[in-house]
Structure formats: structure tokens, C-alpha cells
Amino acid sequence: MIVARVDPPGGILLAAPVRGLAAESGRLLGELAAYDPRAIGLGVSAEELRSLTNYFVTSESEPVVPLTENEASEVRGLVRFGEVRVPNPSVVETLRFAADRHLAVEALDPSDERAASLFTEHIGYVELVRRTVAERRIGRNPPAPSSPDEFALTWDGEVAGGRGSRAFAQARDRHLARAAAQLAREQGRIAVVVDRERFDSVRALLARPASAVLADE
């Protein structure tokens, strides 16, 4: 996990745990408790936020979570670093942390419908085929770096390293940064939690003047 304080456009703690790794959630909660945010923004869609809250935070029993082939391959590659959970334990534990402290939580990513539109805008047929081939290749032979951080970055670079994929990721990150800036303006000191591979992009976007962040489309 990597953490940074971002001053403009408001007091923001940006935390980026490795998706799925159980040990990251404990470190994340420690950072959140020390920072004591007034609200939390998550790098998920509103639909995903509702599902996680309804089925994994407020429900008495958790449902079985089916995995795609790519997700299962990622889990197999990451498990060498410790226990892996699905859905992402860092997000689920953050929601529980917020509920215990009566903190507002906001989904910062585009809606599922808008994300699908962004995907089709930036990723054409050739890029889609390239991603599919890359997912199968990395699934058969997962990367074996020396740390969870390196694993997350390598995995993302292999699957989403094409020009269209990078453009899609940047569009999604701009949406997230704009939503985070608005949340910081409304709430003051906030924490933002994103997947590890999004850290550099989101940090750079949030470090700009508030007017520039909020003006992004």
C-alpha cells in the first residue's frame, strides 16, 4: 500500500492498497484512524458501493462471489504474498470503518453506465482483442515480482497498457478526481481510497489547483 497527503484542493489523504490482499486492509484502517477524516471517497461506482454495503456490510450473511477467469488468475498470482479475499477487503473494511464512525462515504468513479460508455469511446476492437489476449497470457503465467505493489503495477501494465486502455483509465481517474475535489470542498478533510495501480494518476490530478480539477470533463 502507498499513502500520500494531498493539500489542494482540500485536505486529502490518498490511500492505495493492493486490491484483494487481506493484510492491506489492516494497514489502511490504521491510516484512516490516524487521519480522522470527515468523509471518505472510494474508487468504485455508485452501483458497486450499494452492492458492497447491502451484501457485505449490513447483511448478516455474505453471498458467494463468482470470479471471472481474469480475477481468478489475479488471485492465484497474488496469493504468494498472503491471504486474498473477494470482494476487495480494503473497500469492505473501509465501509465498516465509516459505518462505525457515522462517516459519509461517496462513490467517486463513474456510474456503471457511464463507465461502459467511456470504455467504448476509448477502446476499439483491436484494443479489446489485445486486452483479451493479454489477460489470457498473464493468466497462464502470472508475474512473480518481489512485492505486492510491484505485482499490482505489473498486472495492470500487462492487461491495460495499450493506448486506448490508458486513455480510458485517465478519463475514469479525471472523473474520480473531480468528485473527490467536490467532496473535499463540501466536507473538508477527507480520505480517498483507490486501487494501487491508480495512485500515481490520481495523485497528480488531485495536486492541481481546485479550479482545474473541478473543471475536468
C-alpha atoms as a PDB file:
ATOM      1  CA  MET A   1       0.000   0.000   0.000  1.00  0.00           C
ATOM      2  CA  ILE A   2       1.061   3.560  -0.673  1.00  0.00           C
ATOM      3  CA  VAL A   3      -0.249   6.664   1.080  1.00  0.00           C
ATOM      4  CA  ALA A   4       0.162  10.388   0.496  1.00  0.00           C
ATOM      5  CA  ARG A   5      -1.267  13.666   1.748  1.00  0.00           C
ATOM      6  CA  VAL A   6      -2.570  15.943  -0.987  1.00  0.00           C
ATOM      7  CA  ASP A   7      -3.142  19.539   0.096  1.00  0.00           C
ATOM      8  CA  PRO A   8      -5.072  21.101  -2.777  1.00  0.00           C
ATOM      9  CA  PRO A   9      -7.997  21.179  -3.406  1.00  0.00           C
ATOM     10  CA  GLY A  10      -8.589  20.393   0.274  1.00  0.00           C
ATOM     11  CA  GLY A  11      -7.165  18.206   2.996  1.00  0.00           C
ATOM     12  CA  ILE A  12      -6.997  14.777   1.344  1.00  0.00           C
ATOM     13  CA  LEU A  13      -5.399  11.530   2.431  1.00  0.00           C
ATOM     14  CA  LEU A  14      -4.913   9.389  -0.661  1.00  0.00           C
ATOM     15  CA  ALA A  15      -4.501   5.687   0.140  1.00  0.00           C
ATOM     16  CA  ALA A  16      -3.913   2.982  -2.451  1.00  0.00           C
ATOM     17  CA  PRO A  17      -3.900  -0.591  -1.106  1.00  0.00           C
ATOM     18  CA  VAL A  18      -3.263  -3.599  -3.307  1.00  0.00           C
ATOM     19  CA  ARG A  19      -6.651  -4.938  -4.384  1.00  0.00           C
ATOM     20  CA  GLY A  20      -7.637  -8.190  -2.674  1.00  0.00           C
ATOM     21  CA  LEU A  21      -4.708  -8.596  -0.275  1.00  0.00           C
ATOM     22  CA  ALA A  22      -6.151  -9.023   3.222  1.00  0.00           C
ATOM     23  CA  ALA A  23      -3.143  -7.602   5.061  1.00  0.00           C
ATOM     24  CA  GLU A  24      -3.571  -4.268   3.291  1.00  0.00           C
ATOM     25  CA  SER A  25      -6.928  -3.604   4.950  1.00  0.00           C
ATOM     26  CA  GLY A  26      -5.404  -3.521   8.446  1.00  0.00           C
ATOM     27  CA  ARG A  27      -2.770  -1.012   7.369  1.00  0.00           C
ATOM     28  CA  LEU A  28      -5.409   1.060   5.635  1.00  0.00           C
ATOM     29  CA  LEU A  29      -7.636   1.228   8.706  1.00  0.00           C
ATOM     30  CA  GLY A  30      -4.671   2.379  10.772  1.00  0.00           C
ATOM     31  CA  GLU A  31      -4.014   5.212   8.328  1.00  0.00           C
ATOM     32  CA  LEU A  32      -7.678   6.206   8.302  1.00  0.00           C
ATOM     33  CA  ALA A  33      -7.919   6.212  12.093  1.00  0.00           C
ATOM     34  CA  ALA A  34      -4.786   8.358  12.408  1.00  0.00           C
ATOM     35  CA  TYR A  35      -6.007  10.830   9.797  1.00  0.00           C
ATOM     36  CA  ASP A  36      -9.569  11.030  11.206  1.00  0.00           C
ATOM     37  CA  PRO A  37     -11.356  12.100   8.013  1.00  0.00           C
ATOM     38  CA  ARG A  38     -14.739  13.788   7.957  1.00  0.00           C
ATOM     39  CA  ALA A  39     -15.790  11.768   4.909  1.00  0.00           C
ATOM     40  CA  ILE A  40     -14.399   9.024   2.675  1.00  0.00           C
ATOM     41  CA  GLY A  41     -14.391   8.701  -1.087  1.00  0.00           C
ATOM     42  CA  LEU A  42     -13.957   5.303  -2.730  1.00  0.00           C
ATOM     43  CA  GLY A  43     -12.747   4.430  -6.203  1.00  0.00           C
ATOM     44  CA  VAL A  44     -15.868   2.425  -7.025  1.00  0.00           C
ATOM     45  CA  SER A  45     -19.125   3.146  -8.841  1.00  0.00           C
ATOM     46  CA  ALA A  46     -22.327   4.014  -7.000  1.00  0.00           C
ATOM     47  CA  GLU A  47     -23.771   0.654  -8.024  1.00  0.00           C
ATOM     48  CA  GLU A  48     -20.797  -1.241  -6.617  1.00  0.00           C
ATOM     49  CA  LEU A  49     -20.924   0.800  -3.422  1.00  0.00           C
ATOM     50  CA  ARG A  50     -24.588  -0.119  -2.894  1.00  0.00           C
ATOM     51  CA  SER A  51     -23.930  -3.806  -3.546  1.00  0.00           C
ATOM     52  CA  LEU A  52     -20.967  -3.972  -1.188  1.00  0.00           C
ATOM     53  CA  THR A  53     -22.893  -2.169   1.542  1.00  0.00           C
ATOM     54  CA  ASN A  54     -26.034  -4.269   1.164  1.00  0.00           C
ATOM     55  CA  TYR A  55     -24.373  -7.674   0.822  1.00  0.00           C
ATOM     56  CA  PHE A  56     -21.131  -7.406   2.803  1.00  0.00           C
ATOM     57  CA  VAL A  57     -21.553  -4.681   5.416  1.00  0.00           C
ATOM     58  CA  THR A  58     -25.160  -4.592   6.591  1.00  0.00           C
ATOM     59  CA  SER A  59     -26.126  -8.174   5.699  1.00  0.00           C
ATOM     60  CA  GLU A  60     -25.878 -10.918   8.325  1.00  0.00           C
ATOM     61  CA  SER A  61     -24.512 -13.419   5.785  1.00  0.00           C
ATOM     62  CA  GLU A  62     -22.211 -12.909   2.826  1.00  0.00           C
ATOM     63  CA  PRO A  63     -23.100 -14.294  -0.612  1.00  0.00           C
ATOM     64  CA  VAL A  64     -20.802 -16.450  -2.717  1.00  0.00           C
ATOM     65  CA  VAL A  65     -18.843 -14.249  -5.118  1.00  0.00           C
ATOM     66  CA  PRO A  66     -18.250 -15.738  -8.585  1.00  0.00           C
ATOM     67  CA  LEU A  67     -14.942 -14.791 -10.178  1.00  0.00           C
ATOM     68  CA  THR A  68     -14.164 -14.132 -13.798  1.00  0.00           C
ATOM     69  CA  GLU A  69     -11.284 -16.097 -15.293  1.00  0.00           C
ATOM     70  CA  ASN A  70      -9.104 -12.996 -15.146  1.00  0.00           C
ATOM     71  CA  GLU A  71      -9.990 -12.322 -11.489  1.00  0.00           C
ATOM     72  CA  ALA A  72      -9.237 -15.928 -10.542  1.00  0.00           C
ATOM     73  CA  SER A  73      -5.843 -15.691 -12.252  1.00  0.00           C
ATOM     74  CA  GLU A  74      -5.057 -12.463 -10.411  1.00  0.00           C
ATOM     75  CA  VAL A  75      -5.931 -14.087  -7.098  1.00  0.00           C
ATOM     76  CA  ARG A  76      -3.670 -17.066  -7.850  1.00  0.00           C
ATOM     77  CA  GLY A  77      -0.800 -14.736  -8.644  1.00  0.00           C
ATOM     78  CA  LEU A  78      -1.299 -12.516  -5.600  1.00  0.00           C
ATOM     79  CA  VAL A  79      -1.761 -15.287  -3.031  1.00  0.00           C
ATOM     80  CA  ARG A  80       2.014 -15.769  -2.723  1.00  0.00           C
ATOM     81  CA  PHE A  81       2.015 -12.565  -0.656  1.00  0.00           C
ATOM     82  CA  GLY A  82      -0.676 -13.668   1.814  1.00  0.00           C
ATOM     83  CA  GLU A  83      -4.399 -14.191   2.205  1.00  0.00           C
ATOM     84  CA  VAL A  84      -6.513 -12.848  -0.656  1.00  0.00           C
ATOM     85  CA  ARG A  85     -10.209 -12.031  -0.305  1.00  0.00           C
ATOM     86  CA  VAL A  86     -13.012 -11.199  -2.700  1.00  0.00           C
ATOM     87  CA  PRO A  87     -14.569  -8.687  -2.821  1.00  0.00           C
ATOM     88  CA  ASN A  88     -11.713  -6.312  -2.082  1.00  0.00           C
ATOM     89  CA  PRO A  89     -11.325  -6.379   1.736  1.00  0.00           C
ATOM     90  CA  SER A  90      -9.863  -2.867   1.806  1.00  0.00           C
ATOM     91  CA  VAL A  91     -13.112  -1.448   0.439  1.00  0.00           C
ATOM     92  CA  VAL A  92     -15.357  -3.589   2.628  1.00  0.00           C
ATOM     93  CA  GLU A  93     -13.407  -2.781   5.805  1.00  0.00           C
ATOM     94  CA  THR A  94     -13.383   0.908   4.917  1.00  0.00           C
ATOM     95  CA  LEU A  95     -17.166   0.820   4.656  1.00  0.00           C
ATOM     96  CA  ARG A  96     -17.371  -0.814   8.067  1.00  0.00           C
ATOM     97  CA  PHE A  97     -14.942   1.756   9.471  1.00  0.00           C
ATOM     98  CA  ALA A  98     -17.127   4.563   8.128  1.00  0.00           C
ATOM     99  CA  ALA A  99     -20.339   2.984   9.410  1.00  0.00           C
ATOM    100  CA  ASP A 100     -18.912   2.616  12.924  1.00  0.00           C
ATOM    101  CA  ARG A 101     -17.976   6.301  12.943  1.00  0.00           C
ATOM    102  CA  HIS A 102     -21.061   7.567  11.104  1.00  0.00           C
ATOM    103  CA  LEU A 103     -18.946   8.991   8.289  1.00  0.00           C
ATOM    104  CA  ALA A 104     -20.319   9.806   4.868  1.00  0.00           C
ATOM    105  CA  VAL A 105     -18.984   7.585   2.081  1.00  0.00           C
ATOM    106  CA  GLU A 106     -19.168   8.589  -1.573  1.00  0.00           C
ATOM    107  CA  ALA A 107     -18.544   6.550  -4.704  1.00  0.00           C
ATOM    108  CA  LEU A 108     -16.128   8.585  -6.818  1.00  0.00           C
ATOM    109  CA  ASP A 109     -15.994   6.532 -10.005  1.00  0.00           C
ATOM    110  CA  PRO A 110     -18.405   6.970 -12.935  1.00  0.00           C
ATOM    111  CA  SER A 111     -21.654   5.028 -12.832  1.00  0.00           C
ATOM    112  CA  ASP A 112     -21.580   1.610 -14.456  1.00  0.00           C
ATOM    113  CA  GLU A 113     -23.440   3.013 -17.465  1.00  0.00           C
ATOM    114  CA  ARG A 114     -21.053   5.945 -17.848  1.00  0.00           C
ATOM    115  CA  ALA A 115     -18.018   3.675 -17.388  1.00  0.00           C
ATOM    116  CA  ALA A 116     -19.319   1.432 -20.174  1.00  0.00           C
ATOM    117  CA  SER A 117     -19.674   4.487 -22.425  1.00  0.00           C
ATOM    118  CA  LEU A 118     -16.138   5.620 -21.618  1.00  0.00           C
ATOM    119  CA  PHE A 119     -14.852   2.132 -22.351  1.00  0.00           C
ATOM    120  CA  THR A 120     -16.426   2.050 -25.811  1.00  0.00           C
ATOM    121  CA  GLU A 121     -15.273   5.617 -26.511  1.00  0.00           C
ATOM    122  CA  HIS A 122     -11.626   4.779 -25.868  1.00  0.00           C
ATOM    123  CA  ILE A 123     -11.232   1.062 -26.559  1.00  0.00           C
ATOM    124  CA  GLY A 124     -11.879  -0.189 -30.062  1.00  0.00           C
ATOM    125  CA  TYR A 125     -11.975  -3.715 -31.438  1.00  0.00           C
ATOM    126  CA  VAL A 126      -8.214  -4.099 -31.879  1.00  0.00           C
ATOM    127  CA  GLU A 127      -7.527  -2.851 -28.365  1.00  0.00           C
ATOM    128  CA  LEU A 128     -10.208  -5.146 -26.956  1.00  0.00           C
ATOM    129  CA  VAL A 129      -8.625  -8.150 -28.645  1.00  0.00           C
ATOM    130  CA  ARG A 130      -5.210  -7.108 -27.334  1.00  0.00           C
ATOM    131  CA  ARG A 131      -6.590  -6.891 -23.787  1.00  0.00           C
ATOM    132  CA  THR A 132      -8.247 -10.303 -24.079  1.00  0.00           C
ATOM    133  CA  VAL A 133      -5.043 -11.916 -25.334  1.00  0.00           C
ATOM    134  CA  ALA A 134      -3.032 -10.201 -22.592  1.00  0.00           C
ATOM    135  CA  GLU A 135      -5.454 -11.389 -19.911  1.00  0.00           C
ATOM    136  CA  ARG A 136      -5.159 -14.983 -21.102  1.00  0.00           C
ATOM    137  CA  ARG A 137      -1.377 -14.782 -21.365  1.00  0.00           C
ATOM    138  CA  ILE A 138      -0.888 -13.307 -17.905  1.00  0.00           C
ATOM    139  CA  GLY A 139      -3.469 -15.750 -16.501  1.00  0.00           C
ATOM    140  CA  ARG A 140      -1.375 -18.686 -17.697  1.00  0.00           C
ATOM    141  CA  ASN A 141       1.852 -17.133 -16.466  1.00  0.00           C
ATOM    142  CA  PRO A 142       1.213 -14.586 -13.677  1.00  0.00           C
ATOM    143  CA  PRO A 143       4.030 -12.135 -12.889  1.00  0.00           C
ATOM    144  CA  ALA A 144       6.297 -13.009  -9.979  1.00  0.00           C
ATOM    145  CA  PRO A 145       7.681  -9.709  -8.665  1.00  0.00           C
ATOM    146  CA  SER A 146       9.122  -9.337  -5.193  1.00  0.00           C
ATOM    147  CA  SER A 147       6.334  -7.269  -3.620  1.00  0.00           C
ATOM    148  CA  PRO A 148       2.528  -6.882  -3.767  1.00  0.00           C
ATOM    149  CA  ASP A 149       2.934  -3.315  -5.053  1.00  0.00           C
ATOM    150  CA  GLU A 150       5.065  -4.474  -7.969  1.00  0.00           C
ATOM    151  CA  PHE A 151       2.595  -7.272  -8.681  1.00  0.00           C
ATOM    152  CA  ALA A 152      -0.335  -4.839  -8.913  1.00  0.00           C
ATOM    153  CA  LEU A 153       1.548  -2.464 -11.197  1.00  0.00           C
ATOM    154  CA  THR A 154       2.879  -5.234 -13.420  1.00  0.00           C
ATOM    155  CA  TRP A 155      -0.520  -6.890 -13.745  1.00  0.00           C
ATOM    156  CA  ASP A 156      -2.190  -3.631 -14.706  1.00  0.00           C
ATOM    157  CA  GLY A 157       0.577  -2.751 -17.135  1.00  0.00           C
ATOM    158  CA  GLU A 158       0.237  -6.085 -18.917  1.00  0.00           C
ATOM    159  CA  VAL A 159      -3.558  -6.022 -19.221  1.00  0.00           C
ATOM    160  CA  ALA A 160      -4.270  -2.297 -19.592  1.00  0.00           C
ATOM    161  CA  GLY A 161      -1.066  -0.952 -21.104  1.00  0.00           C
ATOM    162  CA  GLY A 162      -2.453  -0.133 -24.560  1.00  0.00           C
ATOM    163  CA  ARG A 163      -3.091   3.441 -25.699  1.00  0.00           C
ATOM    164  CA  GLY A 164      -6.865   3.097 -25.590  1.00  0.00           C
ATOM    165  CA  SER A 165      -6.781   1.402 -22.200  1.00  0.00           C
ATOM    166  CA  ARG A 166      -4.603   4.178 -20.793  1.00  0.00           C
ATOM    167  CA  ALA A 167      -6.968   6.812 -22.208  1.00  0.00           C
ATOM    168  CA  PHE A 168      -9.934   5.037 -20.617  1.00  0.00           C
ATOM    169  CA  ALA A 169      -8.144   4.845 -17.257  1.00  0.00           C
ATOM    170  CA  GLN A 170      -7.254   8.536 -17.426  1.00  0.00           C
ATOM    171  CA  ALA A 171     -10.853   9.503 -18.188  1.00  0.00           C
ATOM    172  CA  ARG A 172     -12.063   7.468 -15.226  1.00  0.00           C
ATOM    173  CA  ASP A 173      -9.412   8.990 -12.960  1.00  0.00           C
ATOM    174  CA  ARG A 174     -10.370  12.524 -14.039  1.00  0.00           C
ATOM    175  CA  HIS A 175     -13.962  11.771 -13.050  1.00  0.00           C
ATOM    176  CA  LEU A 176     -12.773  10.445  -9.695  1.00  0.00           C
ATOM    177  CA  ALA A 177     -10.544  13.458  -9.031  1.00  0.00           C
ATOM    178  CA  ARG A 178     -13.359  15.873  -9.832  1.00  0.00           C
ATOM    179  CA  ALA A 179     -15.734  14.035  -7.500  1.00  0.00           C
ATOM    180  CA  ALA A 180     -13.061  13.932  -4.764  1.00  0.00           C
ATOM    181  CA  ALA A 181     -12.399  17.670  -5.110  1.00  0.00           C
ATOM    182  CA  GLN A 182     -16.100  18.382  -4.755  1.00  0.00           C
ATOM    183  CA  LEU A 183     -16.321  16.123  -1.694  1.00  0.00           C
ATOM    184  CA  ALA A 184     -13.315  17.877  -0.126  1.00  0.00           C
ATOM    185  CA  ARG A 185     -14.915  21.253  -0.802  1.00  0.00           C
ATOM    186  CA  GLU A 186     -18.108  20.140   0.944  1.00  0.00           C
ATOM    187  CA  GLN A 187     -16.648  18.130   3.827  1.00  0.00           C
ATOM    188  CA  GLY A 188     -13.142  19.479   4.434  1.00  0.00           C
ATOM    189  CA  ARG A 189     -10.660  16.787   5.458  1.00  0.00           C
ATOM    190  CA  ILE A 190     -11.394  13.604   3.501  1.00  0.00           C
ATOM    191  CA  ALA A 191      -9.759  10.285   2.685  1.00  0.00           C
ATOM    192  CA  VAL A 192      -9.754   8.810  -0.810  1.00  0.00           C
ATOM    193  CA  VAL A 193      -9.147   5.074  -1.326  1.00  0.00           C
ATOM    194  CA  VAL A 194      -8.224   3.706  -4.752  1.00  0.00           C
ATOM    195  CA  ASP A 195      -6.565   0.566  -6.092  1.00  0.00           C
ATOM    196  CA  ARG A 196      -2.754   0.653  -6.000  1.00  0.00           C
ATOM    197  CA  GLU A 197      -2.286   0.966  -9.752  1.00  0.00           C
ATOM    198  CA  ARG A 198      -4.331   4.198  -9.838  1.00  0.00           C
ATOM    199  CA  PHE A 199      -2.271   6.034  -7.225  1.00  0.00           C
ATOM    200  CA  ASP A 200       0.153   7.983  -9.439  1.00  0.00           C
ATOM    201  CA  SER A 201      -2.523   9.188 -11.831  1.00  0.00           C
ATOM    202  CA  VAL A 202      -4.999  10.207  -9.133  1.00  0.00           C
ATOM    203  CA  ARG A 203      -2.333  11.913  -7.042  1.00  0.00           C
ATOM    204  CA  ALA A 204      -1.176  14.007  -9.993  1.00  0.00           C
ATOM    205  CA  LEU A 205      -4.733  15.011 -10.824  1.00  0.00           C
ATOM    206  CA  LEU A 206      -5.577  15.989  -7.235  1.00  0.00           C
ATOM    207  CA  ALA A 207      -2.373  18.010  -6.843  1.00  0.00           C
ATOM    208  CA  ARG A 208      -3.581  20.566  -9.390  1.00  0.00           C
ATOM    209  CA  PRO A 209      -5.446  23.746  -8.412  1.00  0.00           C
ATOM    210  CA  ALA A 210      -9.020  23.074  -7.328  1.00  0.00           C
ATOM    211  CA  SER A 211     -10.428  25.096 -10.221  1.00  0.00           C
ATOM    212  CA  ALA A 212      -8.617  22.869 -12.737  1.00  0.00           C
ATOM    213  CA  VAL A 213      -9.722  19.659 -11.050  1.00  0.00           C
ATOM    214  CA  LEU A 214     -13.360  20.704 -10.837  1.00  0.00           C
ATOM    215  CA  ALA A 215     -13.376  21.884 -14.452  1.00  0.00           C
ATOM    216  CA  ASP A 216     -12.360  18.475 -15.826  1.00  0.00           C
ATOM    217  CA  GLU A 217     -14.823  16.738 -18.105  1.00  0.00           C
END
